[in-house]
Each structure stands twice: as structure tokens, then as C-alpha cells.
Amino acid sequence: MGYNLNFHQSFSPEREAIAQLVRLAIQGNGFLTKEEISQITTIPTGGSSGKVVPHISYADIMGLLNVENKGKSFKLFPTPLGEVIGAEDPYFVEPITMWACHYNLVEKNSKGLIWSYVFNEVAPQLGTSFAKEILPSIVNKNFEAEVNLTPFRSCYLNDRSFATLKILSEIGGKYLFTPHKIDPSFKYLYAYQLLSSWEKYMEDRTEVTIDDIKDTLYYGRPYLWEDRDILNVLELLQDERIIVLNRQLNPLTILRQESSQNLLTQIYSLLI
């Protein structure tokens, strides 16, 4: 599915709605209208708008669902990531689940264009704190449109969305972005995110440089990581024999030892 800047129809993503759609997809229902999906899931919808269609889009962008359209009906299929999350955290209450959703929502070539642009271009340029009025000016100029930033802002400030991550806050007249602190119990998620991106953008290469990881894959940008953070994570993954770091070369190179698919089922394995 392709998306325009207003795919969200002014709604921010709500975890409960996304979780309901993933559970529905896992159940294997056939084609359903938005009204039928609303009846099954209790996600509200209306004649011209409502939350069902925007949340199907969010779940797709977050890499949880694949969607087939037939007229005004939708058939939902869980992705491998959606299946794992649906089995391990069906109500989307674990922080690791929220980080997985956030990462895909904002990654390099995400169809969530505003989210991707802010985390991959704006934050690296402006830093982690800047005046609130700067953001709409930059975003509107980039997209040559009057962009509704409310869904983006609410996504990280609303408890029904992803406020728990504390990656964005408002202090006075400023936005403050707070980098995700590396959590060793998330190491298989970090590995999955690195390798799935690697397989997507550099599929033919089993060895890449640290510069490739930072500048081609944009690895770690959704977490607002600095170079030191990325290196720390790579060392964690080397300890698990997921990758091998070759420090004899400059820039250092990373050899892939695993596939993202093999890491999927381990994402939740280290949680207490």
C-alpha cells in the first residue's frame, strides 16, 4: 500500500487498536469492510472517517501486517514480526514491542514519511532540543505542503500511543528528544533490526563497513544513537556471535553470521 502525508486522517497510532488488528489478522479472517472490522475489534469507524483504516495503515507501516484490498474490503495477514509480537505480547504492553513498532514507523524508507523525515533528517541536524515552532517550518518546507504534525506529536506524548518510550517530550517552548538507552535484554531486537535492514538494502553483501551501517542503513537513527552507542551494540551482537567485527581495517568492517529470520523468535527471550 502507498501512503500520502495524511494517511493517518489526523489520528495518532493507538497501541490497543494496532494490537486488535494484529490479533484479527492472526485469526485468519477473509475480506472485511471497515465496518465489519469495527464490529469485531471495537475500533470506532464512521461513514467518511474513523480509526479503522488509519490503524490498518499504521500496522502495515510498522511491519506488523500485510494488507490486500478488494474494493472497500481489507484482508489482513500477519507478517513474521506481527506473528511473534501477537504470540508474545498480544496486548502491546511490553516496551520492547513499542520500540519495535516505533523503529519500523520511523526507519529510513518508512511509508510514514513525516516520522521518517523527523528522526532521520531533522533530529540529526538540529540535535535533541529545539524550539517547537522550528519543526513545522522545516517539515512544511521539505514536503512543500502544510503538514499536520499533531499525529506525530501525539504519537509520543499520548499514553494510548507510545508516551511510555519517553523519546519525545515538551519542555516550555521546546521539543526534547531523548535517545533510547541500550538495554542488553533487547539485544536480539537490535540484531533483528540491523540484519533485516542489511538484507533489505545490501542483500548481496555479507560484510559491510561501519560507515555503511550508519550512512546507508541509517542504523540506530530511530533510537537517536550516537556513534559510540552503535559500536556498543555491535559489540553486544559480536558477543552473541551474530556478527564479527574486524578492527584491523579502517573503517572497521562487520561480517554477518546470522539471518534476521533466525533472530525473530528470540526477540522476547531475555525479558524477565
C-alpha atoms as a PDB file:
ATOM      1  CA  MET A   1       0.000   0.000   0.000  1.00  0.00           C
ATOM      2  CA  GLY A   2       1.171   3.502  -0.793  1.00  0.00           C
ATOM      3  CA  TYR A   3       0.573   6.375   1.586  1.00  0.00           C
ATOM      4  CA  ASN A   4       0.259  10.130   1.360  1.00  0.00           C
ATOM      5  CA  LEU A   5       1.140  12.603   4.101  1.00  0.00           C
ATOM      6  CA  ASN A   6      -2.382  12.427   5.517  1.00  0.00           C
ATOM      7  CA  PHE A   7      -2.782   8.633   5.637  1.00  0.00           C
ATOM      8  CA  HIS A   8      -3.418   8.915   9.408  1.00  0.00           C
ATOM      9  CA  GLN A   9      -6.522  11.093   8.835  1.00  0.00           C
ATOM     10  CA  SER A  10      -5.404  13.135  11.880  1.00  0.00           C
ATOM     11  CA  PHE A  11      -5.361  10.094  14.235  1.00  0.00           C
ATOM     12  CA  SER A  12      -2.207   9.116  16.117  1.00  0.00           C
ATOM     13  CA  PRO A  13      -1.488   5.387  16.467  1.00  0.00           C
ATOM     14  CA  GLU A  14      -3.093   3.723  19.483  1.00  0.00           C
ATOM     15  CA  ARG A  15      -1.488   0.552  20.772  1.00  0.00           C
ATOM     16  CA  GLU A  16      -4.772  -1.130  21.657  1.00  0.00           C
ATOM     17  CA  ALA A  17      -6.160  -0.661  18.146  1.00  0.00           C
ATOM     18  CA  ILE A  18      -2.989  -1.944  16.497  1.00  0.00           C
ATOM     19  CA  ALA A  19      -2.949  -4.959  18.828  1.00  0.00           C
ATOM     20  CA  GLN A  20      -6.580  -5.732  17.950  1.00  0.00           C
ATOM     21  CA  LEU A  21      -5.794  -5.661  14.227  1.00  0.00           C
ATOM     22  CA  VAL A  22      -2.801  -7.969  14.667  1.00  0.00           C
ATOM     23  CA  ARG A  23      -4.921 -10.436  16.638  1.00  0.00           C
ATOM     24  CA  LEU A  24      -7.602 -10.264  13.939  1.00  0.00           C
ATOM     25  CA  ALA A  25      -5.021 -10.944  11.216  1.00  0.00           C
ATOM     26  CA  ILE A  26      -3.636 -13.946  13.120  1.00  0.00           C
ATOM     27  CA  GLN A  27      -7.154 -15.392  13.384  1.00  0.00           C
ATOM     28  CA  GLY A  28      -7.198 -15.507   9.582  1.00  0.00           C
ATOM     29  CA  ASN A  29     -10.428 -13.733   8.670  1.00  0.00           C
ATOM     30  CA  GLY A  30     -11.208 -13.142   4.996  1.00  0.00           C
ATOM     31  CA  PHE A  31     -12.066  -9.833   3.351  1.00  0.00           C
ATOM     32  CA  LEU A  32     -13.829  -7.458   5.733  1.00  0.00           C
ATOM     33  CA  THR A  33     -15.153  -3.928   5.378  1.00  0.00           C
ATOM     34  CA  LYS A  34     -14.029  -1.297   7.855  1.00  0.00           C
ATOM     35  CA  GLU A  35     -17.473  -1.540   9.453  1.00  0.00           C
ATOM     36  CA  GLU A  36     -17.094  -5.287   9.924  1.00  0.00           C
ATOM     37  CA  ILE A  37     -13.596  -4.826  11.349  1.00  0.00           C
ATOM     38  CA  SER A  38     -15.010  -2.206  13.717  1.00  0.00           C
ATOM     39  CA  GLN A  39     -17.693  -4.606  14.938  1.00  0.00           C
ATOM     40  CA  ILE A  40     -15.170  -7.374  15.604  1.00  0.00           C
ATOM     41  CA  THR A  41     -12.449  -5.236  17.200  1.00  0.00           C
ATOM     42  CA  THR A  42     -14.440  -2.330  18.724  1.00  0.00           C
ATOM     43  CA  ILE A  43     -12.139   0.144  16.924  1.00  0.00           C
ATOM     44  CA  PRO A  44     -14.502   3.023  16.085  1.00  0.00           C
ATOM     45  CA  THR A  45     -15.229   3.979  12.499  1.00  0.00           C
ATOM     46  CA  GLY A  46     -17.743   6.098  10.620  1.00  0.00           C
ATOM     47  CA  GLY A  47     -19.080   6.692   7.158  1.00  0.00           C
ATOM     48  CA  SER A  48     -16.324   9.034   5.985  1.00  0.00           C
ATOM     49  CA  SER A  49     -13.621   8.643   8.620  1.00  0.00           C
ATOM     50  CA  GLY A  50     -12.764   6.739  11.795  1.00  0.00           C
ATOM     51  CA  LYS A  51      -9.839   4.877  13.253  1.00  0.00           C
ATOM     52  CA  VAL A  52     -10.000   1.507  11.475  1.00  0.00           C
ATOM     53  CA  VAL A  53      -8.399   2.470   8.157  1.00  0.00           C
ATOM     54  CA  PRO A  54      -5.672   4.710   9.642  1.00  0.00           C
ATOM     55  CA  HIS A  55      -4.707   1.957  12.081  1.00  0.00           C
ATOM     56  CA  ILE A  56      -4.544  -0.639   9.327  1.00  0.00           C
ATOM     57  CA  SER A  57      -2.090   1.750   7.657  1.00  0.00           C
ATOM     58  CA  TYR A  58      -0.089   2.213  10.857  1.00  0.00           C
ATOM     59  CA  ALA A  59       0.130  -1.552  11.408  1.00  0.00           C
ATOM     60  CA  ASP A  60       1.291  -2.018   7.827  1.00  0.00           C
ATOM     61  CA  ILE A  61       3.950   0.701   8.137  1.00  0.00           C
ATOM     62  CA  MET A  62       5.126  -0.781  11.442  1.00  0.00           C
ATOM     63  CA  GLY A  63       5.800  -4.065   9.665  1.00  0.00           C
ATOM     64  CA  LEU A  64       3.105  -5.990  11.539  1.00  0.00           C
ATOM     65  CA  LEU A  65       0.573  -6.623   8.775  1.00  0.00           C
ATOM     66  CA  ASN A  66       0.351  -7.118   5.049  1.00  0.00           C
ATOM     67  CA  VAL A  67      -2.864  -5.816   3.559  1.00  0.00           C
ATOM     68  CA  GLU A  68      -4.824  -6.879   0.485  1.00  0.00           C
ATOM     69  CA  ASN A  69      -7.562  -4.586  -0.793  1.00  0.00           C
ATOM     70  CA  LYS A  70     -10.669  -5.577  -2.746  1.00  0.00           C
ATOM     71  CA  GLY A  71     -12.976  -2.657  -3.301  1.00  0.00           C
ATOM     72  CA  LYS A  72     -13.752  -1.296   0.148  1.00  0.00           C
ATOM     73  CA  SER A  73     -12.733  -4.505   1.904  1.00  0.00           C
ATOM     74  CA  PHE A  74      -9.462  -5.462   3.561  1.00  0.00           C
ATOM     75  CA  LYS A  75      -7.782  -8.798   4.107  1.00  0.00           C
ATOM     76  CA  LEU A  76      -5.148  -8.693   6.826  1.00  0.00           C
ATOM     77  CA  PHE A  77      -2.162 -11.022   7.011  1.00  0.00           C
ATOM     78  CA  PRO A  78       0.333 -11.012   9.906  1.00  0.00           C
ATOM     79  CA  THR A  79       3.967 -10.561   8.960  1.00  0.00           C
ATOM     80  CA  PRO A  80       6.541 -12.796  10.688  1.00  0.00           C
ATOM     81  CA  LEU A  81       7.205  -9.929  13.121  1.00  0.00           C
ATOM     82  CA  GLY A  82       3.465  -9.485  13.669  1.00  0.00           C
ATOM     83  CA  GLU A  83       3.083 -13.185  14.420  1.00  0.00           C
ATOM     84  CA  VAL A  84       5.869 -13.094  17.008  1.00  0.00           C
ATOM     85  CA  ILE A  85       4.529  -9.981  18.718  1.00  0.00           C
ATOM     86  CA  GLY A  86       0.984 -11.352  18.612  1.00  0.00           C
ATOM     87  CA  ALA A  87       2.133 -14.530  20.343  1.00  0.00           C
ATOM     88  CA  GLU A  88       4.472 -12.956  22.892  1.00  0.00           C
ATOM     89  CA  ASP A  89       2.749  -9.659  23.682  1.00  0.00           C
ATOM     90  CA  PRO A  90      -0.788  -9.722  22.239  1.00  0.00           C
ATOM     91  CA  TYR A  91      -1.876  -6.563  24.085  1.00  0.00           C
ATOM     92  CA  PHE A  92       1.210  -4.496  23.213  1.00  0.00           C
ATOM     93  CA  VAL A  93       2.182  -3.659  26.781  1.00  0.00           C
ATOM     94  CA  GLU A  94       5.906  -4.503  26.695  1.00  0.00           C
ATOM     95  CA  PRO A  95       8.338  -1.645  25.968  1.00  0.00           C
ATOM     96  CA  ILE A  96      10.258  -3.889  23.569  1.00  0.00           C
ATOM     97  CA  THR A  97       7.088  -4.225  21.466  1.00  0.00           C
ATOM     98  CA  MET A  98       6.634  -0.462  21.367  1.00  0.00           C
ATOM     99  CA  TRP A  99      10.255   0.059  20.361  1.00  0.00           C
ATOM    100  CA  ALA A 100       9.876  -2.484  17.561  1.00  0.00           C
ATOM    101  CA  CYS A 101       6.806  -0.611  16.275  1.00  0.00           C
ATOM    102  CA  HIS A 102       8.470   2.775  16.613  1.00  0.00           C
ATOM    103  CA  TYR A 103      11.615   1.622  14.818  1.00  0.00           C
ATOM    104  CA  ASN A 104       9.739   0.468  11.722  1.00  0.00           C
ATOM    105  CA  LEU A 105       7.494   3.537  11.748  1.00  0.00           C
ATOM    106  CA  VAL A 106      10.493   5.866  11.504  1.00  0.00           C
ATOM    107  CA  GLU A 107      13.124   3.797   9.669  1.00  0.00           C
ATOM    108  CA  LYS A 108      14.990   5.044   6.597  1.00  0.00           C
ATOM    109  CA  ASN A 109      12.419   4.394   3.869  1.00  0.00           C
ATOM    110  CA  SER A 110       9.316   4.150   6.027  1.00  0.00           C
ATOM    111  CA  LYS A 111       5.988   4.932   4.385  1.00  0.00           C
ATOM    112  CA  GLY A 112       5.341   7.046   7.476  1.00  0.00           C
ATOM    113  CA  LEU A 113       7.058   9.914   5.670  1.00  0.00           C
ATOM    114  CA  ILE A 114       6.809  12.529   8.409  1.00  0.00           C
ATOM    115  CA  TRP A 115       8.051  10.189  11.137  1.00  0.00           C
ATOM    116  CA  SER A 116      10.957   9.028   8.996  1.00  0.00           C
ATOM    117  CA  TYR A 117      11.955  12.541   7.995  1.00  0.00           C
ATOM    118  CA  VAL A 118      11.956  13.898  11.551  1.00  0.00           C
ATOM    119  CA  PHE A 119      14.053  11.080  13.017  1.00  0.00           C
ATOM    120  CA  ASN A 120      16.430  10.538  10.111  1.00  0.00           C
ATOM    121  CA  GLU A 121      16.970  14.096   8.901  1.00  0.00           C
ATOM    122  CA  VAL A 122      15.689  16.748  11.309  1.00  0.00           C
ATOM    123  CA  ALA A 123      16.893  15.362  14.647  1.00  0.00           C
ATOM    124  CA  PRO A 124      20.443  14.584  13.391  1.00  0.00           C
ATOM    125  CA  GLN A 125      20.704  18.148  12.038  1.00  0.00           C
ATOM    126  CA  LEU A 126      19.119  20.127  14.876  1.00  0.00           C
ATOM    127  CA  GLY A 127      20.118  17.980  17.836  1.00  0.00           C
ATOM    128  CA  THR A 128      17.948  16.685  20.628  1.00  0.00           C
ATOM    129  CA  SER A 129      16.409  20.001  21.712  1.00  0.00           C
ATOM    130  CA  PHE A 130      14.995  22.817  19.604  1.00  0.00           C
ATOM    131  CA  ALA A 131      12.177  25.375  19.601  1.00  0.00           C
ATOM    132  CA  LYS A 132       8.767  23.894  18.789  1.00  0.00           C
ATOM    133  CA  GLU A 133       7.996  26.393  16.030  1.00  0.00           C
ATOM    134  CA  ILE A 134      11.051  25.248  14.065  1.00  0.00           C
ATOM    135  CA  LEU A 135       9.675  21.787  13.348  1.00  0.00           C
ATOM    136  CA  PRO A 136       6.570  22.705  11.294  1.00  0.00           C
ATOM    137  CA  SER A 137       8.599  25.219   9.334  1.00  0.00           C
ATOM    138  CA  ILE A 138      11.219  22.634   8.336  1.00  0.00           C
ATOM    139  CA  VAL A 139       8.709  19.854   7.655  1.00  0.00           C
ATOM    140  CA  ASN A 140       6.395  22.059   5.582  1.00  0.00           C
ATOM    141  CA  LYS A 141       9.327  23.287   3.513  1.00  0.00           C
ATOM    142  CA  ASN A 142      10.599  19.771   2.877  1.00  0.00           C
ATOM    143  CA  PHE A 143       7.231  18.368   1.780  1.00  0.00           C
ATOM    144  CA  GLU A 144       6.072  21.595   0.136  1.00  0.00           C
ATOM    145  CA  ALA A 145       2.769  21.267   1.963  1.00  0.00           C
ATOM    146  CA  GLU A 146       1.001  22.325   5.135  1.00  0.00           C
ATOM    147  CA  VAL A 147       1.702  19.214   7.208  1.00  0.00           C
ATOM    148  CA  ASN A 148      -0.443  18.197  10.178  1.00  0.00           C
ATOM    149  CA  LEU A 149       2.120  17.338  12.867  1.00  0.00           C
ATOM    150  CA  THR A 150      -0.431  16.599  15.580  1.00  0.00           C
ATOM    151  CA  PRO A 151      -0.469  12.805  14.951  1.00  0.00           C
ATOM    152  CA  PHE A 152       3.342  12.729  15.071  1.00  0.00           C
ATOM    153  CA  ARG A 153       3.458  14.746  18.281  1.00  0.00           C
ATOM    154  CA  SER A 154       0.619  12.779  19.922  1.00  0.00           C
ATOM    155  CA  CYS A 155       2.258   9.507  18.942  1.00  0.00           C
ATOM    156  CA  TYR A 156       4.946  10.112  21.562  1.00  0.00           C
ATOM    157  CA  LEU A 157       3.076  12.224  24.117  1.00  0.00           C
ATOM    158  CA  ASN A 158      -0.187  10.247  24.404  1.00  0.00           C
ATOM    159  CA  ASP A 159      -0.333   7.351  26.873  1.00  0.00           C
ATOM    160  CA  ARG A 160      -2.579   5.421  24.477  1.00  0.00           C
ATOM    161  CA  SER A 161       0.200   5.622  21.923  1.00  0.00           C
ATOM    162  CA  PHE A 162       3.929   5.472  22.716  1.00  0.00           C
ATOM    163  CA  ALA A 163       4.422   8.006  25.515  1.00  0.00           C
ATOM    164  CA  THR A 164       5.945   5.195  27.595  1.00  0.00           C
ATOM    165  CA  LEU A 165       9.043   5.348  25.399  1.00  0.00           C
ATOM    166  CA  LYS A 166       9.774   8.918  26.568  1.00  0.00           C
ATOM    167  CA  ILE A 167      11.625   9.580  23.326  1.00  0.00           C
ATOM    168  CA  LEU A 168       9.870  12.935  22.801  1.00  0.00           C
ATOM    169  CA  SER A 169       8.734  15.461  25.368  1.00  0.00           C
ATOM    170  CA  GLU A 170       7.741  19.114  25.503  1.00  0.00           C
ATOM    171  CA  ILE A 171       9.534  21.423  27.901  1.00  0.00           C
ATOM    172  CA  GLY A 172       8.419  25.009  27.755  1.00  0.00           C
ATOM    173  CA  GLY A 173       8.559  26.075  24.128  1.00  0.00           C
ATOM    174  CA  LYS A 174      10.910  23.284  23.102  1.00  0.00           C
ATOM    175  CA  TYR A 175      10.810  19.724  21.885  1.00  0.00           C
ATOM    176  CA  LEU A 176      13.244  17.432  23.676  1.00  0.00           C
ATOM    177  CA  PHE A 177      14.264  14.157  22.034  1.00  0.00           C
ATOM    178  CA  THR A 178      15.742  11.583  24.434  1.00  0.00           C
ATOM    179  CA  PRO A 179      17.846   8.773  22.924  1.00  0.00           C
ATOM    180  CA  HIS A 180      16.870   5.201  23.729  1.00  0.00           C
ATOM    181  CA  LYS A 181      19.215   3.785  26.349  1.00  0.00           C
ATOM    182  CA  ILE A 182      20.755   0.491  25.279  1.00  0.00           C
ATOM    183  CA  ASP A 183      19.153  -2.432  27.097  1.00  0.00           C
ATOM    184  CA  PRO A 184      21.081  -5.739  26.927  1.00  0.00           C
ATOM    185  CA  SER A 185      17.792  -7.653  27.161  1.00  0.00           C
ATOM    186  CA  PHE A 186      16.844  -6.072  23.807  1.00  0.00           C
ATOM    187  CA  LYS A 187      19.939  -7.382  22.023  1.00  0.00           C
ATOM    188  CA  TYR A 188      18.025  -9.768  19.760  1.00  0.00           C
ATOM    189  CA  LEU A 189      15.676  -6.960  18.720  1.00  0.00           C
ATOM    190  CA  TYR A 190      18.684  -4.775  17.890  1.00  0.00           C
ATOM    191  CA  ALA A 191      20.177  -7.650  15.913  1.00  0.00           C
ATOM    192  CA  TYR A 192      16.929  -8.304  14.072  1.00  0.00           C
ATOM    193  CA  GLN A 193      16.643  -4.636  13.140  1.00  0.00           C
ATOM    194  CA  LEU A 194      20.222  -4.466  11.906  1.00  0.00           C
ATOM    195  CA  LEU A 195      20.070  -7.651   9.860  1.00  0.00           C
ATOM    196  CA  SER A 196      16.615  -7.089   8.370  1.00  0.00           C
ATOM    197  CA  SER A 197      17.734  -3.652   7.193  1.00  0.00           C
ATOM    198  CA  TRP A 198      21.007  -5.122   5.910  1.00  0.00           C
ATOM    199  CA  GLU A 199      19.136  -7.820   3.982  1.00  0.00           C
ATOM    200  CA  LYS A 200      16.754  -5.239   2.577  1.00  0.00           C
ATOM    201  CA  TYR A 201      19.278  -2.685   1.340  1.00  0.00           C
ATOM    202  CA  MET A 202      22.545  -4.616   0.930  1.00  0.00           C
ATOM    203  CA  GLU A 203      21.322  -8.154   0.373  1.00  0.00           C
ATOM    204  CA  ASP A 204      24.282  -9.241  -1.750  1.00  0.00           C
ATOM    205  CA  ARG A 205      26.922  -8.368   0.853  1.00  0.00           C
ATOM    206  CA  THR A 206      27.951 -10.486   3.820  1.00  0.00           C
ATOM    207  CA  GLU A 207      30.484  -7.902   5.015  1.00  0.00           C
ATOM    208  CA  VAL A 208      29.968  -4.148   5.286  1.00  0.00           C
ATOM    209  CA  THR A 209      31.740  -1.209   6.917  1.00  0.00           C
ATOM    210  CA  ILE A 210      30.650   0.728   9.962  1.00  0.00           C
ATOM    211  CA  ASP A 211      30.071   3.658   7.592  1.00  0.00           C
ATOM    212  CA  ASP A 212      27.667   1.533   5.540  1.00  0.00           C
ATOM    213  CA  ILE A 213      25.702   0.748   8.671  1.00  0.00           C
ATOM    214  CA  LYS A 214      25.457   4.381   9.713  1.00  0.00           C
ATOM    215  CA  ASP A 215      25.165   6.172   6.369  1.00  0.00           C
ATOM    216  CA  THR A 216      23.412   3.640   4.117  1.00  0.00           C
ATOM    217  CA  LEU A 217      21.237   1.719   6.586  1.00  0.00           C
ATOM    218  CA  TYR A 218      20.765   4.656   8.991  1.00  0.00           C
ATOM    219  CA  TYR A 219      21.019   2.021  11.703  1.00  0.00           C
ATOM    220  CA  GLY A 220      20.300   3.415  15.141  1.00  0.00           C
ATOM    221  CA  ARG A 221      18.777   6.697  13.981  1.00  0.00           C
ATOM    222  CA  PRO A 222      15.288   5.687  15.148  1.00  0.00           C
ATOM    223  CA  TYR A 223      16.890   5.309  18.586  1.00  0.00           C
ATOM    224  CA  LEU A 224      18.771   8.624  18.232  1.00  0.00           C
ATOM    225  CA  TRP A 225      22.021   6.769  18.876  1.00  0.00           C
ATOM    226  CA  GLU A 226      25.455   8.337  18.595  1.00  0.00           C
ATOM    227  CA  ASP A 227      28.428   6.535  17.013  1.00  0.00           C
ATOM    228  CA  ARG A 228      29.522   5.230  20.415  1.00  0.00           C
ATOM    229  CA  ASP A 229      26.097   3.690  21.045  1.00  0.00           C
ATOM    230  CA  ILE A 230      26.144   1.908  17.697  1.00  0.00           C
ATOM    231  CA  LEU A 231      29.577   0.488  18.407  1.00  0.00           C
ATOM    232  CA  ASN A 232      28.450  -0.683  21.851  1.00  0.00           C
ATOM    233  CA  VAL A 233      25.507  -2.521  20.298  1.00  0.00           C
ATOM    234  CA  LEU A 234      27.718  -4.109  17.645  1.00  0.00           C
ATOM    235  CA  GLU A 235      29.989  -5.387  20.415  1.00  0.00           C
ATOM    236  CA  LEU A 236      26.933  -6.871  22.179  1.00  0.00           C
ATOM    237  CA  LEU A 237      25.991  -8.670  18.973  1.00  0.00           C
ATOM    238  CA  GLN A 238      29.512  -9.905  18.469  1.00  0.00           C
ATOM    239  CA  ASP A 239      29.431 -11.443  21.954  1.00  0.00           C
ATOM    240  CA  GLU A 240      26.403 -13.451  20.763  1.00  0.00           C
ATOM    241  CA  ARG A 241      28.248 -14.463  17.571  1.00  0.00           C
ATOM    242  CA  ILE A 242      25.594 -12.780  15.453  1.00  0.00           C
ATOM    243  CA  ILE A 243      28.248 -10.663  13.762  1.00  0.00           C
ATOM    244  CA  VAL A 244      32.046 -10.477  13.696  1.00  0.00           C
ATOM    245  CA  LEU A 245      33.855  -7.146  13.935  1.00  0.00           C
ATOM    246  CA  ASN A 246      37.109  -6.756  12.025  1.00  0.00           C
ATOM    247  CA  ARG A 247      39.005  -3.948  13.748  1.00  0.00           C
ATOM    248  CA  GLN A 248      42.123  -4.432  11.641  1.00  0.00           C
ATOM    249  CA  LEU A 249      40.509  -2.497   8.806  1.00  0.00           C
ATOM    250  CA  ASN A 250      39.725   1.208   8.791  1.00  0.00           C
ATOM    251  CA  PRO A 251      36.837   1.803   8.812  1.00  0.00           C
ATOM    252  CA  LEU A 252      36.107  -1.379  10.714  1.00  0.00           C
ATOM    253  CA  THR A 253      34.020  -3.978   8.938  1.00  0.00           C
ATOM    254  CA  ILE A 254      31.152  -6.152  10.133  1.00  0.00           C
ATOM    255  CA  LEU A 255      30.666  -9.731   8.960  1.00  0.00           C
ATOM    256  CA  ARG A 256      27.150 -11.143   9.141  1.00  0.00           C
ATOM    257  CA  GLN A 257      26.858 -14.555  10.808  1.00  0.00           C
ATOM    258  CA  GLU A 258      23.085 -14.861  11.149  1.00  0.00           C
ATOM    259  CA  SER A 259      19.851 -14.040   9.333  1.00  0.00           C
ATOM    260  CA  SER A 260      17.107 -11.781  10.620  1.00  0.00           C
ATOM    261  CA  GLN A 261      14.584 -14.614  10.328  1.00  0.00           C
ATOM    262  CA  ASN A 262      16.548 -16.776  12.755  1.00  0.00           C
ATOM    263  CA  LEU A 263      16.528 -13.984  15.339  1.00  0.00           C
ATOM    264  CA  LEU A 264      12.805 -13.243  15.259  1.00  0.00           C
ATOM    265  CA  THR A 265      11.760 -15.899  17.751  1.00  0.00           C
ATOM    266  CA  GLN A 266      14.459 -14.782  20.196  1.00  0.00           C
ATOM    267  CA  ILE A 267      13.382 -11.135  20.472  1.00  0.00           C
ATOM    268  CA  TYR A 268      11.463 -11.702  23.740  1.00  0.00           C
ATOM    269  CA  SER A 269      13.701 -14.440  25.128  1.00  0.00           C
ATOM    270  CA  LEU A 270      15.733 -12.262  27.508  1.00  0.00           C
ATOM    271  CA  LEU A 271      12.872 -10.399  29.140  1.00  0.00           C
ATOM    272  CA  ILE A 272      12.373 -11.097  32.840  1.00  0.00           C
END
